[in-house]
N, C-alpha and C. Protein backbone atom coordinates (compact mmCIF):
# COMPACT_ATOMS: atom_id res chain seq x y z
N MET A 1 0.85 -1.19 0.00
CA MET A 1 0.00 0.00 0.00
C MET A 1 0.88 1.25 0.00
N LYS A 2 0.69 2.11 -1.00
CA LYS A 2 1.47 3.34 -1.07
C LYS A 2 0.85 4.41 -0.18
N ALA A 3 1.64 4.93 0.76
CA ALA A 3 1.17 5.94 1.71
C ALA A 3 1.83 7.28 1.43
N VAL A 4 1.07 8.34 1.66
CA VAL A 4 1.56 9.71 1.53
C VAL A 4 1.40 10.38 2.88
N PHE A 5 2.46 11.01 3.37
CA PHE A 5 2.46 11.67 4.68
C PHE A 5 2.72 13.16 4.50
N LEU A 6 1.90 13.99 5.16
CA LEU A 6 2.16 15.42 5.20
C LEU A 6 1.63 16.00 6.50
N SER A 7 2.10 17.19 6.83
CA SER A 7 1.69 17.84 8.07
C SER A 7 1.91 19.34 7.94
N ASP A 8 1.29 20.09 8.86
CA ASP A 8 1.55 21.54 8.98
C ASP A 8 1.35 22.26 7.66
N THR A 9 0.19 22.06 7.08
CA THR A 9 -0.14 22.81 5.86
C THR A 9 -0.62 24.23 6.18
N HIS A 10 -1.14 24.47 7.38
CA HIS A 10 -1.42 25.82 7.88
C HIS A 10 -2.19 26.69 6.88
N ASN A 11 -3.28 26.15 6.33
CA ASN A 11 -4.14 26.84 5.37
C ASN A 11 -3.56 26.93 3.96
N PHE A 12 -2.35 26.42 3.75
CA PHE A 12 -1.72 26.48 2.43
C PHE A 12 -1.84 25.15 1.68
N HIS A 13 -2.86 24.36 2.04
CA HIS A 13 -2.99 23.03 1.44
C HIS A 13 -3.13 23.08 -0.07
N MET A 14 -3.73 24.14 -0.61
CA MET A 14 -3.89 24.23 -2.06
C MET A 14 -2.56 24.41 -2.78
N ASP A 15 -1.53 24.82 -2.05
CA ASP A 15 -0.21 25.02 -2.65
C ASP A 15 0.66 23.77 -2.61
N VAL A 16 0.15 22.70 -2.03
CA VAL A 16 0.93 21.47 -1.89
C VAL A 16 0.66 20.56 -3.08
N ASP A 17 1.73 20.07 -3.68
CA ASP A 17 1.63 19.10 -4.77
C ASP A 17 1.55 17.71 -4.15
N VAL A 18 0.35 17.18 -4.05
CA VAL A 18 0.14 15.92 -3.35
C VAL A 18 0.26 14.75 -4.33
N PRO A 19 1.20 13.83 -4.09
CA PRO A 19 1.33 12.69 -4.99
C PRO A 19 0.20 11.69 -4.81
N ASP A 20 0.00 10.88 -5.83
CA ASP A 20 -1.01 9.83 -5.76
C ASP A 20 -0.58 8.76 -4.75
N GLY A 21 -1.56 8.03 -4.25
CA GLY A 21 -1.28 6.95 -3.32
C GLY A 21 -2.57 6.27 -2.92
N ASP A 22 -2.43 5.20 -2.17
CA ASP A 22 -3.60 4.46 -1.69
C ASP A 22 -4.17 5.09 -0.43
N ILE A 23 -3.29 5.65 0.40
CA ILE A 23 -3.73 6.22 1.68
C ILE A 23 -2.92 7.47 1.96
N ILE A 24 -3.57 8.50 2.49
CA ILE A 24 -2.88 9.74 2.83
C ILE A 24 -3.08 10.04 4.30
N PHE A 25 -2.01 10.46 4.96
CA PHE A 25 -2.02 10.80 6.38
C PHE A 25 -1.66 12.27 6.55
N HIS A 26 -2.45 12.97 7.36
CA HIS A 26 -2.11 14.36 7.72
C HIS A 26 -1.92 14.42 9.23
N CYS A 27 -0.75 14.92 9.65
CA CYS A 27 -0.37 14.90 11.06
C CYS A 27 -0.66 16.19 11.81
N GLY A 28 -1.65 16.94 11.36
CA GLY A 28 -2.13 18.07 12.15
C GLY A 28 -1.57 19.42 11.76
N ASP A 29 -2.14 20.46 12.38
CA ASP A 29 -1.86 21.86 12.06
C ASP A 29 -2.20 22.14 10.60
N PHE A 30 -3.44 21.84 10.25
CA PHE A 30 -3.91 22.20 8.91
C PHE A 30 -4.47 23.61 8.89
N THR A 31 -4.61 24.25 10.07
CA THR A 31 -5.07 25.64 10.14
C THR A 31 -3.97 26.53 10.71
N LEU A 32 -4.26 27.83 10.74
CA LEU A 32 -3.40 28.79 11.44
C LEU A 32 -4.00 29.19 12.77
N SER A 33 -5.25 29.67 12.75
CA SER A 33 -5.88 30.14 13.99
C SER A 33 -6.83 29.12 14.59
N GLY A 34 -7.14 28.06 13.85
CA GLY A 34 -8.02 27.03 14.39
C GLY A 34 -9.49 27.36 14.32
N SER A 35 -9.88 28.28 13.46
CA SER A 35 -11.29 28.66 13.35
C SER A 35 -12.06 27.57 12.62
N LEU A 36 -13.38 27.56 12.82
CA LEU A 36 -14.23 26.58 12.15
C LEU A 36 -14.16 26.73 10.64
N SER A 37 -14.12 27.97 10.15
CA SER A 37 -14.08 28.17 8.70
C SER A 37 -12.81 27.59 8.10
N GLU A 38 -11.69 27.70 8.81
CA GLU A 38 -10.44 27.12 8.33
C GLU A 38 -10.52 25.60 8.30
N VAL A 39 -11.08 25.03 9.36
CA VAL A 39 -11.22 23.57 9.42
C VAL A 39 -12.11 23.07 8.29
N LEU A 40 -13.22 23.76 8.03
CA LEU A 40 -14.13 23.33 6.98
C LEU A 40 -13.48 23.44 5.60
N ASP A 41 -12.68 24.46 5.39
CA ASP A 41 -11.98 24.61 4.12
C ASP A 41 -11.00 23.46 3.91
N PHE A 42 -10.26 23.13 4.96
CA PHE A 42 -9.34 22.00 4.87
C PHE A 42 -10.11 20.70 4.64
N LYS A 43 -11.18 20.51 5.37
CA LYS A 43 -11.97 19.29 5.26
C LYS A 43 -12.46 19.07 3.83
N ASP A 44 -12.94 20.13 3.19
CA ASP A 44 -13.42 20.01 1.82
C ASP A 44 -12.28 19.59 0.88
N TRP A 45 -11.12 20.19 1.08
CA TRP A 45 -9.96 19.85 0.24
C TRP A 45 -9.50 18.42 0.49
N PHE A 46 -9.35 18.07 1.75
CA PHE A 46 -8.84 16.74 2.10
C PHE A 46 -9.79 15.65 1.61
N SER A 47 -11.08 15.89 1.76
CA SER A 47 -12.08 14.92 1.32
C SER A 47 -12.08 14.74 -0.19
N SER A 48 -11.66 15.77 -0.91
CA SER A 48 -11.69 15.71 -2.37
C SER A 48 -10.50 14.98 -2.98
N LEU A 49 -9.50 14.69 -2.19
CA LEU A 49 -8.31 14.01 -2.72
C LEU A 49 -8.68 12.61 -3.20
N PRO A 50 -7.98 12.11 -4.21
CA PRO A 50 -8.37 10.85 -4.83
C PRO A 50 -7.95 9.59 -4.08
N HIS A 51 -7.19 9.74 -3.01
CA HIS A 51 -6.69 8.58 -2.28
C HIS A 51 -7.87 7.78 -1.71
N THR A 52 -7.73 6.47 -1.72
CA THR A 52 -8.82 5.59 -1.25
C THR A 52 -9.12 5.82 0.22
N TYR A 53 -8.07 5.98 1.01
CA TYR A 53 -8.23 6.19 2.45
C TYR A 53 -7.53 7.49 2.85
N LYS A 54 -8.17 8.20 3.79
CA LYS A 54 -7.64 9.46 4.27
C LYS A 54 -7.72 9.48 5.80
N VAL A 55 -6.59 9.78 6.45
CA VAL A 55 -6.51 9.77 7.91
C VAL A 55 -5.91 11.09 8.37
N VAL A 56 -6.52 11.72 9.38
CA VAL A 56 -6.04 13.01 9.85
C VAL A 56 -6.11 13.07 11.38
N ILE A 57 -5.16 13.79 11.96
CA ILE A 57 -5.21 14.14 13.38
C ILE A 57 -5.11 15.65 13.50
N GLY A 58 -5.44 16.18 14.65
CA GLY A 58 -5.31 17.61 14.90
C GLY A 58 -3.90 17.98 15.33
N GLY A 59 -3.69 19.29 15.45
CA GLY A 59 -2.43 19.82 15.96
C GLY A 59 -2.69 20.99 16.88
N ASN A 60 -1.65 21.57 17.41
CA ASN A 60 -1.81 22.62 18.41
C ASN A 60 -2.47 23.88 17.86
N HIS A 61 -2.41 24.11 16.55
CA HIS A 61 -3.08 25.27 15.96
C HIS A 61 -4.57 25.03 15.71
N ASP A 62 -4.97 23.78 15.68
CA ASP A 62 -6.35 23.44 15.29
C ASP A 62 -7.28 23.56 16.49
N ARG A 63 -7.41 24.78 16.95
CA ARG A 63 -7.96 25.10 18.26
C ARG A 63 -9.39 24.63 18.46
N CYS A 64 -10.26 24.84 17.47
CA CYS A 64 -11.67 24.52 17.70
C CYS A 64 -11.89 23.02 17.89
N LEU A 65 -10.98 22.19 17.39
CA LEU A 65 -11.12 20.75 17.60
C LEU A 65 -10.85 20.36 19.05
N GLY A 66 -10.06 21.17 19.74
CA GLY A 66 -9.73 20.86 21.11
C GLY A 66 -10.72 21.39 22.13
N GLN A 67 -11.69 22.16 21.69
CA GLN A 67 -12.66 22.74 22.61
C GLN A 67 -13.79 21.77 22.96
N ASP A 68 -13.89 20.71 22.19
CA ASP A 68 -14.92 19.69 22.41
C ASP A 68 -14.28 18.35 22.10
N GLY A 69 -14.33 17.44 23.05
CA GLY A 69 -13.62 16.18 22.90
C GLY A 69 -14.02 15.35 21.71
N ILE A 70 -15.26 15.52 21.20
CA ILE A 70 -15.71 14.72 20.07
C ILE A 70 -16.07 15.58 18.86
N PHE A 71 -15.70 16.85 18.88
CA PHE A 71 -16.06 17.73 17.77
C PHE A 71 -15.45 17.25 16.45
N GLY A 72 -14.17 16.85 16.51
CA GLY A 72 -13.51 16.36 15.30
C GLY A 72 -14.19 15.14 14.73
N LEU A 73 -14.63 14.24 15.60
CA LEU A 73 -15.32 13.04 15.15
C LEU A 73 -16.65 13.38 14.49
N LYS A 74 -17.33 14.39 15.03
CA LYS A 74 -18.61 14.81 14.45
C LYS A 74 -18.42 15.54 13.12
N LEU A 75 -17.29 16.21 12.97
CA LEU A 75 -17.06 17.02 11.79
C LEU A 75 -16.50 16.21 10.62
N PHE A 76 -15.48 15.41 10.90
CA PHE A 76 -14.81 14.64 9.84
C PHE A 76 -15.54 13.30 9.66
N THR A 77 -16.65 13.34 8.99
CA THR A 77 -17.47 12.14 8.84
C THR A 77 -17.09 11.32 7.61
N ASP A 78 -16.40 11.92 6.65
CA ASP A 78 -16.06 11.20 5.43
C ASP A 78 -14.58 10.88 5.30
N VAL A 79 -13.81 11.15 6.36
CA VAL A 79 -12.42 10.70 6.45
C VAL A 79 -12.23 10.13 7.85
N HIS A 80 -11.10 9.52 8.09
CA HIS A 80 -10.82 8.94 9.41
C HIS A 80 -10.10 9.97 10.28
N TYR A 81 -10.78 10.46 11.30
CA TYR A 81 -10.19 11.40 12.25
C TYR A 81 -9.84 10.66 13.53
N LEU A 82 -8.58 10.76 13.94
CA LEU A 82 -8.11 10.05 15.14
C LEU A 82 -7.72 11.06 16.21
N GLN A 83 -8.18 10.81 17.42
CA GLN A 83 -7.83 11.65 18.56
C GLN A 83 -7.61 10.74 19.76
N ASN A 84 -6.36 10.34 19.93
CA ASN A 84 -5.99 9.33 20.94
C ASN A 84 -6.80 8.05 20.69
N SER A 85 -6.82 7.64 19.45
CA SER A 85 -7.62 6.48 19.04
C SER A 85 -6.98 5.83 17.83
N GLY A 86 -7.51 4.66 17.47
CA GLY A 86 -6.92 3.91 16.39
C GLY A 86 -7.93 3.36 15.42
N ILE A 87 -7.42 2.81 14.33
CA ILE A 87 -8.25 2.22 13.28
C ILE A 87 -7.40 1.18 12.55
N GLU A 88 -8.06 0.23 11.92
CA GLU A 88 -7.37 -0.75 11.09
C GLU A 88 -7.88 -0.61 9.66
N ILE A 89 -6.95 -0.48 8.71
CA ILE A 89 -7.29 -0.32 7.31
C ILE A 89 -6.53 -1.36 6.49
N GLU A 90 -7.24 -2.25 5.87
CA GLU A 90 -6.65 -3.32 5.06
C GLU A 90 -5.53 -4.02 5.82
N GLY A 91 -5.81 -4.32 7.07
CA GLY A 91 -4.85 -5.05 7.89
C GLY A 91 -3.76 -4.21 8.52
N ARG A 92 -3.70 -2.91 8.19
CA ARG A 92 -2.69 -2.03 8.79
C ARG A 92 -3.28 -1.37 10.03
N LYS A 93 -2.56 -1.49 11.13
CA LYS A 93 -3.01 -0.91 12.38
C LYS A 93 -2.43 0.49 12.53
N ILE A 94 -3.33 1.46 12.77
CA ILE A 94 -2.96 2.87 12.80
C ILE A 94 -3.52 3.49 14.08
N TRP A 95 -2.73 4.35 14.70
CA TRP A 95 -3.17 5.04 15.93
C TRP A 95 -2.66 6.47 15.87
N GLY A 96 -3.50 7.43 16.32
CA GLY A 96 -3.10 8.82 16.21
C GLY A 96 -3.45 9.67 17.41
N SER A 97 -2.62 10.68 17.67
CA SER A 97 -2.86 11.62 18.76
C SER A 97 -2.35 13.01 18.40
N PRO A 98 -3.11 14.06 18.76
CA PRO A 98 -2.67 15.43 18.50
C PRO A 98 -1.77 16.01 19.58
N MET A 99 -1.57 15.30 20.68
CA MET A 99 -0.93 15.88 21.86
C MET A 99 0.58 16.10 21.67
N THR A 100 1.05 17.19 22.25
CA THR A 100 2.47 17.52 22.18
C THR A 100 2.83 18.46 23.31
N PRO A 101 4.08 18.42 23.80
CA PRO A 101 4.47 19.36 24.86
C PRO A 101 4.68 20.77 24.31
N ALA A 102 4.46 21.76 25.16
CA ALA A 102 4.69 23.15 24.78
C ALA A 102 6.18 23.49 24.89
N PHE A 103 6.60 24.49 24.12
CA PHE A 103 7.97 25.00 24.24
C PHE A 103 7.98 26.45 23.79
N ASN A 104 8.99 27.20 24.23
CA ASN A 104 9.14 28.61 23.85
C ASN A 104 7.87 29.44 24.08
N GLY A 105 7.10 29.09 25.13
CA GLY A 105 5.91 29.86 25.47
C GLY A 105 4.77 29.73 24.50
N MET A 106 4.69 28.61 23.76
CA MET A 106 3.69 28.46 22.70
C MET A 106 2.29 28.15 23.20
N ARG A 107 2.11 27.86 24.47
CA ARG A 107 0.81 27.37 24.95
C ARG A 107 -0.31 28.38 24.75
N SER A 108 -0.03 29.65 24.87
CA SER A 108 -1.09 30.66 24.87
C SER A 108 -1.94 30.62 23.61
N GLY A 109 -3.25 30.46 23.77
CA GLY A 109 -4.18 30.55 22.67
C GLY A 109 -4.29 29.32 21.80
N LEU A 110 -3.50 28.30 22.10
CA LEU A 110 -3.50 27.11 21.26
C LEU A 110 -4.05 25.93 22.05
N THR A 111 -3.89 24.71 21.54
CA THR A 111 -4.58 23.59 22.16
C THR A 111 -3.79 22.31 21.99
N PHE A 112 -4.32 21.22 22.54
CA PHE A 112 -3.73 19.88 22.42
C PHE A 112 -2.31 19.82 22.98
N TYR A 113 -2.07 20.51 24.10
CA TYR A 113 -0.78 20.41 24.76
C TYR A 113 -0.87 19.48 25.96
N THR A 114 0.15 18.64 26.14
CA THR A 114 0.23 17.85 27.36
C THR A 114 0.69 18.76 28.48
N ASN A 115 0.02 18.68 29.60
CA ASN A 115 0.31 19.54 30.74
C ASN A 115 1.21 18.80 31.72
N GLY A 116 2.47 18.64 31.32
CA GLY A 116 3.42 17.99 32.21
C GLY A 116 3.51 16.48 32.00
N GLU A 117 4.41 15.87 32.74
CA GLU A 117 4.74 14.46 32.57
C GLU A 117 3.56 13.55 32.89
N LYS A 118 2.75 13.91 33.88
CA LYS A 118 1.63 13.04 34.27
C LYS A 118 0.63 12.88 33.14
N GLU A 119 0.24 14.01 32.51
CA GLU A 119 -0.71 13.93 31.41
C GLU A 119 -0.11 13.20 30.22
N ALA A 120 1.17 13.46 29.94
CA ALA A 120 1.83 12.76 28.84
C ALA A 120 1.84 11.26 29.08
N LYS A 121 2.10 10.86 30.30
CA LYS A 121 2.12 9.43 30.64
C LYS A 121 0.74 8.82 30.43
N ASN A 122 -0.31 9.54 30.82
CA ASN A 122 -1.68 9.03 30.65
C ASN A 122 -2.02 8.85 29.17
N ILE A 123 -1.58 9.78 28.35
CA ILE A 123 -1.86 9.70 26.92
C ILE A 123 -1.10 8.54 26.29
N TRP A 124 0.21 8.49 26.51
CA TRP A 124 1.03 7.52 25.79
C TRP A 124 0.95 6.12 26.38
N SER A 125 0.39 5.98 27.56
CA SER A 125 0.22 4.64 28.12
C SER A 125 -0.81 3.84 27.33
N SER A 126 -1.67 4.53 26.58
CA SER A 126 -2.69 3.84 25.77
C SER A 126 -2.18 3.48 24.38
N LEU A 127 -0.92 3.76 24.11
CA LEU A 127 -0.35 3.45 22.80
C LEU A 127 -0.31 1.93 22.60
N PRO A 128 -0.95 1.42 21.56
CA PRO A 128 -1.00 -0.03 21.37
C PRO A 128 0.33 -0.61 20.87
N LYS A 129 0.45 -1.92 20.97
CA LYS A 129 1.56 -2.64 20.37
C LYS A 129 1.22 -2.98 18.92
N ASP A 130 2.21 -3.44 18.19
CA ASP A 130 2.03 -3.97 16.84
C ASP A 130 1.41 -2.97 15.88
N LEU A 131 1.78 -1.70 16.01
CA LEU A 131 1.27 -0.67 15.11
C LEU A 131 2.07 -0.66 13.81
N ASP A 132 1.35 -0.51 12.71
CA ASP A 132 2.01 -0.26 11.45
C ASP A 132 2.34 1.21 11.30
N VAL A 133 1.43 2.08 11.72
CA VAL A 133 1.64 3.53 11.61
C VAL A 133 1.19 4.21 12.89
N LEU A 134 2.09 4.97 13.49
CA LEU A 134 1.77 5.86 14.60
C LEU A 134 1.81 7.29 14.08
N LEU A 135 0.73 8.02 14.29
CA LEU A 135 0.65 9.43 13.93
C LEU A 135 0.58 10.27 15.19
N THR A 136 1.50 11.18 15.34
CA THR A 136 1.41 12.17 16.42
C THR A 136 1.68 13.53 15.80
N HIS A 137 1.16 14.58 16.44
CA HIS A 137 1.47 15.89 15.87
C HIS A 137 2.91 16.26 16.15
N GLY A 138 3.35 16.04 17.38
CA GLY A 138 4.71 16.39 17.75
C GLY A 138 5.65 15.20 17.69
N PRO A 139 6.95 15.46 17.63
CA PRO A 139 7.94 14.38 17.53
C PRO A 139 8.31 13.82 18.90
N PRO A 140 8.92 12.65 18.90
CA PRO A 140 9.54 12.16 20.12
C PRO A 140 10.83 12.93 20.38
N TRP A 141 11.25 12.96 21.60
CA TRP A 141 12.44 13.74 21.95
C TRP A 141 13.69 13.20 21.25
N GLY A 142 14.44 14.13 20.64
CA GLY A 142 15.73 13.78 20.07
C GLY A 142 15.69 13.31 18.63
N ILE A 143 14.51 13.23 18.03
CA ILE A 143 14.40 12.73 16.65
C ILE A 143 13.64 13.75 15.81
N LEU A 144 14.34 14.41 14.90
CA LEU A 144 13.72 15.40 14.01
C LEU A 144 12.89 16.42 14.78
N ASP A 145 13.48 16.92 15.89
CA ASP A 145 12.73 17.80 16.79
C ASP A 145 13.51 19.04 17.20
N LYS A 146 14.49 19.45 16.39
CA LYS A 146 15.32 20.58 16.79
C LYS A 146 14.78 21.91 16.27
N VAL A 147 14.77 22.90 17.19
CA VAL A 147 14.45 24.29 16.84
C VAL A 147 15.48 25.19 17.49
N ARG A 148 15.53 26.42 17.03
CA ARG A 148 16.40 27.40 17.69
C ARG A 148 15.61 28.10 18.80
N HIS A 149 16.19 28.16 19.96
CA HIS A 149 15.52 28.81 21.08
C HIS A 149 15.26 30.27 20.74
N TRP A 150 14.04 30.71 21.05
CA TRP A 150 13.62 32.06 20.65
C TRP A 150 14.49 33.15 21.27
N ASP A 151 15.15 32.86 22.41
CA ASP A 151 15.94 33.86 23.12
C ASP A 151 17.42 33.74 22.80
N THR A 152 17.97 32.52 22.93
CA THR A 152 19.41 32.32 22.77
C THR A 152 19.83 32.04 21.33
N GLY A 153 18.90 31.55 20.52
CA GLY A 153 19.24 31.19 19.15
C GLY A 153 19.95 29.87 19.03
N GLU A 154 20.14 29.19 20.15
CA GLU A 154 20.82 27.91 20.13
C GLU A 154 19.84 26.78 19.79
N PRO A 155 20.27 25.80 19.00
CA PRO A 155 19.38 24.67 18.69
C PRO A 155 19.10 23.83 19.92
N GLU A 156 17.87 23.36 20.04
CA GLU A 156 17.52 22.52 21.17
C GLU A 156 16.48 21.49 20.74
N ASN A 157 16.48 20.36 21.44
CA ASN A 157 15.47 19.34 21.22
C ASN A 157 14.22 19.70 22.02
N VAL A 158 13.05 19.60 21.38
CA VAL A 158 11.81 20.01 22.04
C VAL A 158 10.74 18.92 21.98
N GLY A 159 11.13 17.71 21.58
CA GLY A 159 10.17 16.62 21.47
C GLY A 159 9.75 16.07 22.82
N ASP A 160 8.93 15.06 22.78
CA ASP A 160 8.30 14.48 23.96
C ASP A 160 9.10 13.28 24.45
N LYS A 161 9.67 13.37 25.65
CA LYS A 161 10.48 12.29 26.19
C LYS A 161 9.65 11.06 26.53
N MET A 162 8.45 11.28 27.05
CA MET A 162 7.59 10.16 27.39
C MET A 162 7.16 9.42 26.12
N LEU A 163 6.88 10.17 25.06
CA LEU A 163 6.53 9.55 23.78
C LEU A 163 7.69 8.73 23.25
N LEU A 164 8.90 9.26 23.33
CA LEU A 164 10.08 8.51 22.89
C LEU A 164 10.19 7.18 23.61
N SER A 165 9.98 7.22 24.92
CA SER A 165 10.07 6.00 25.72
C SER A 165 9.07 4.95 25.25
N LYS A 166 7.85 5.39 24.98
CA LYS A 166 6.80 4.45 24.55
C LYS A 166 7.04 3.94 23.14
N VAL A 167 7.56 4.78 22.26
CA VAL A 167 7.87 4.35 20.90
C VAL A 167 8.97 3.29 20.91
N ILE A 168 9.98 3.50 21.73
CA ILE A 168 11.04 2.51 21.86
C ILE A 168 10.48 1.19 22.39
N GLN A 169 9.54 1.29 23.32
CA GLN A 169 8.96 0.09 23.91
C GLN A 169 8.01 -0.62 22.94
N LYS A 170 7.14 0.14 22.25
CA LYS A 170 6.09 -0.48 21.42
C LYS A 170 6.53 -0.74 19.97
N LYS A 171 7.55 -0.04 19.51
CA LYS A 171 8.17 -0.28 18.21
C LYS A 171 7.20 -0.26 17.01
N PRO A 172 6.50 0.84 16.77
CA PRO A 172 5.69 0.92 15.55
C PRO A 172 6.60 0.88 14.33
N LYS A 173 6.06 0.40 13.23
CA LYS A 173 6.88 0.31 12.02
C LYS A 173 7.19 1.70 11.46
N VAL A 174 6.21 2.59 11.53
CA VAL A 174 6.38 3.97 11.06
C VAL A 174 5.84 4.91 12.12
N HIS A 175 6.60 5.95 12.44
CA HIS A 175 6.12 7.00 13.32
C HIS A 175 6.22 8.31 12.56
N ALA A 176 5.05 8.89 12.21
CA ALA A 176 5.00 10.13 11.43
C ALA A 176 4.48 11.27 12.29
N PHE A 177 5.02 12.46 12.07
CA PHE A 177 4.66 13.64 12.86
C PHE A 177 5.05 14.88 12.08
N GLY A 178 4.79 16.04 12.67
CA GLY A 178 5.19 17.32 12.08
C GLY A 178 5.59 18.27 13.19
N HIS A 179 4.89 19.43 13.25
CA HIS A 179 5.03 20.38 14.36
C HIS A 179 6.33 21.17 14.30
N ILE A 180 7.45 20.51 14.11
CA ILE A 180 8.74 21.18 14.07
C ILE A 180 9.11 21.42 12.62
N HIS A 181 8.78 22.60 12.12
CA HIS A 181 8.94 22.91 10.71
C HIS A 181 10.40 22.83 10.27
N GLU A 182 11.31 23.12 11.17
CA GLU A 182 12.72 23.23 10.83
C GLU A 182 13.42 21.89 10.64
N ASP A 183 12.76 20.79 11.04
CA ASP A 183 13.50 19.52 11.05
C ASP A 183 12.81 18.45 10.20
N TYR A 184 12.33 18.87 9.05
CA TYR A 184 11.69 17.98 8.08
C TYR A 184 12.66 16.88 7.64
N GLY A 185 12.12 15.68 7.43
CA GLY A 185 12.94 14.62 6.89
C GLY A 185 12.58 13.25 7.42
N VAL A 186 13.41 12.27 7.09
CA VAL A 186 13.20 10.88 7.48
C VAL A 186 14.42 10.40 8.27
N PHE A 187 14.17 9.75 9.39
CA PHE A 187 15.23 9.14 10.19
C PHE A 187 14.98 7.64 10.24
N GLU A 188 15.93 6.90 9.70
CA GLU A 188 15.85 5.45 9.72
C GLU A 188 17.24 4.91 9.99
N ASN A 189 17.38 4.15 11.05
CA ASN A 189 18.69 3.60 11.40
C ASN A 189 18.52 2.15 11.82
N SER A 190 18.53 1.28 10.86
CA SER A 190 18.26 -0.14 11.12
C SER A 190 19.37 -0.83 11.88
N ARG A 191 20.49 -0.14 12.08
CA ARG A 191 21.62 -0.76 12.80
C ARG A 191 21.87 -0.10 14.14
N ASN A 192 20.92 0.67 14.61
CA ASN A 192 21.14 1.42 15.83
C ASN A 192 20.00 1.21 16.81
N PRO A 193 20.00 0.10 17.56
CA PRO A 193 18.98 -0.06 18.61
C PRO A 193 19.04 1.11 19.57
N PRO A 194 17.93 1.57 20.16
CA PRO A 194 16.60 0.94 20.13
C PRO A 194 15.69 1.46 19.02
N TYR A 195 16.28 2.17 18.01
CA TYR A 195 15.45 2.75 16.95
C TYR A 195 15.40 1.87 15.70
N ASP A 196 15.86 0.65 15.79
CA ASP A 196 16.11 -0.16 14.61
C ASP A 196 14.86 -0.71 13.95
N GLU A 197 13.71 -0.61 14.59
CA GLU A 197 12.49 -1.19 14.02
C GLU A 197 11.48 -0.14 13.58
N THR A 198 11.82 1.13 13.67
CA THR A 198 10.88 2.21 13.36
C THR A 198 11.48 3.19 12.36
N ILE A 199 10.68 3.56 11.36
CA ILE A 199 11.03 4.66 10.46
C ILE A 199 10.34 5.92 10.97
N PHE A 200 11.11 6.97 11.25
CA PHE A 200 10.57 8.23 11.76
C PHE A 200 10.47 9.24 10.62
N ILE A 201 9.33 9.92 10.54
CA ILE A 201 9.07 10.87 9.46
C ILE A 201 8.57 12.18 10.04
N ASN A 202 9.30 13.27 9.80
CA ASN A 202 8.79 14.61 10.04
C ASN A 202 8.34 15.15 8.69
N CYS A 203 7.02 15.23 8.51
CA CYS A 203 6.47 15.53 7.18
C CYS A 203 5.87 16.93 7.10
N SER A 204 6.39 17.87 7.89
CA SER A 204 5.92 19.26 7.78
C SER A 204 6.26 19.82 6.41
N VAL A 205 5.26 20.37 5.72
CA VAL A 205 5.51 20.89 4.38
C VAL A 205 5.92 22.35 4.38
N VAL A 206 5.78 23.04 5.51
CA VAL A 206 6.21 24.44 5.58
C VAL A 206 7.49 24.55 6.41
N ASN A 207 8.23 25.62 6.17
CA ASN A 207 9.41 25.89 6.97
C ASN A 207 9.06 26.82 8.12
N GLU A 208 10.07 27.29 8.83
CA GLU A 208 9.82 28.13 10.00
C GLU A 208 9.19 29.47 9.65
N SER A 209 9.25 29.87 8.38
CA SER A 209 8.61 31.10 7.91
C SER A 209 7.23 30.85 7.32
N TYR A 210 6.73 29.63 7.47
CA TYR A 210 5.41 29.23 6.98
C TYR A 210 5.31 29.31 5.45
N ASN A 211 6.43 29.02 4.79
CA ASN A 211 6.44 28.90 3.34
C ASN A 211 6.41 27.42 2.97
N VAL A 212 5.61 27.06 1.98
CA VAL A 212 5.54 25.67 1.54
C VAL A 212 6.80 25.36 0.73
N VAL A 213 7.72 24.63 1.34
CA VAL A 213 9.00 24.33 0.70
C VAL A 213 9.29 22.82 0.64
N ASN A 214 8.57 22.04 1.42
CA ASN A 214 8.84 20.61 1.49
C ASN A 214 7.74 19.81 0.81
N GLU A 215 8.11 18.66 0.27
CA GLU A 215 7.15 17.79 -0.39
C GLU A 215 6.60 16.76 0.58
N PRO A 216 5.35 16.33 0.40
CA PRO A 216 4.87 15.18 1.18
C PRO A 216 5.80 13.98 1.00
N ILE A 217 5.86 13.16 2.00
CA ILE A 217 6.78 12.01 1.99
C ILE A 217 6.01 10.75 1.63
N GLU A 218 6.56 10.00 0.69
CA GLU A 218 5.92 8.78 0.21
C GLU A 218 6.63 7.55 0.76
N LEU A 219 5.84 6.55 1.11
CA LEU A 219 6.39 5.33 1.70
C LEU A 219 5.42 4.20 1.47
N HIS A 220 5.92 3.00 1.24
CA HIS A 220 5.07 1.83 1.15
C HIS A 220 4.94 1.19 2.53
N ILE A 221 3.73 0.94 2.95
CA ILE A 221 3.49 0.37 4.28
C ILE A 221 2.77 -0.98 4.14
């Protein structure tokens, strides 16, 4: 099954050249301000794509989805919307979550942030085993998660340590995410335990200036 991964389109979805595939995954932040009109515009576009299966999770910018625990499920009726939940498609086990830790004071006005280690532990403890695809909005700590600190300008890792621990333990075949625009790419190291069984994908299509510069990532799953 040919899969297409993208994230962080931030209302610029019409500018993305989306390749053909059997299934497409969006890892959140499809809006800028998280308004209902933005969500509906994205929904219309995403639903119109020719891929047989479409799976989406929210991100920290997608604010209106976080104001009601089941709003996304009620809204995305013609695609698969995951919010700390899973689905099986043609034998592939998929699980998705919008949650991510805050950094550089980003919490204000946004949503889907884990509030400390306790909440992160509660979220990631429900991560299933034997996943073919794990979708999270934010990255695990230390993998495709570097940004420059807003004050010092020094690069730092801002991913989720608890998520990293669970990914190492549960070993999904693919872990896709976005959120960190600056660290787009694929990390695969089959000779370096404990990461040897997972392909990590940061599929953000925009850079730190919110310009569409990256292509969706294609992979067979």
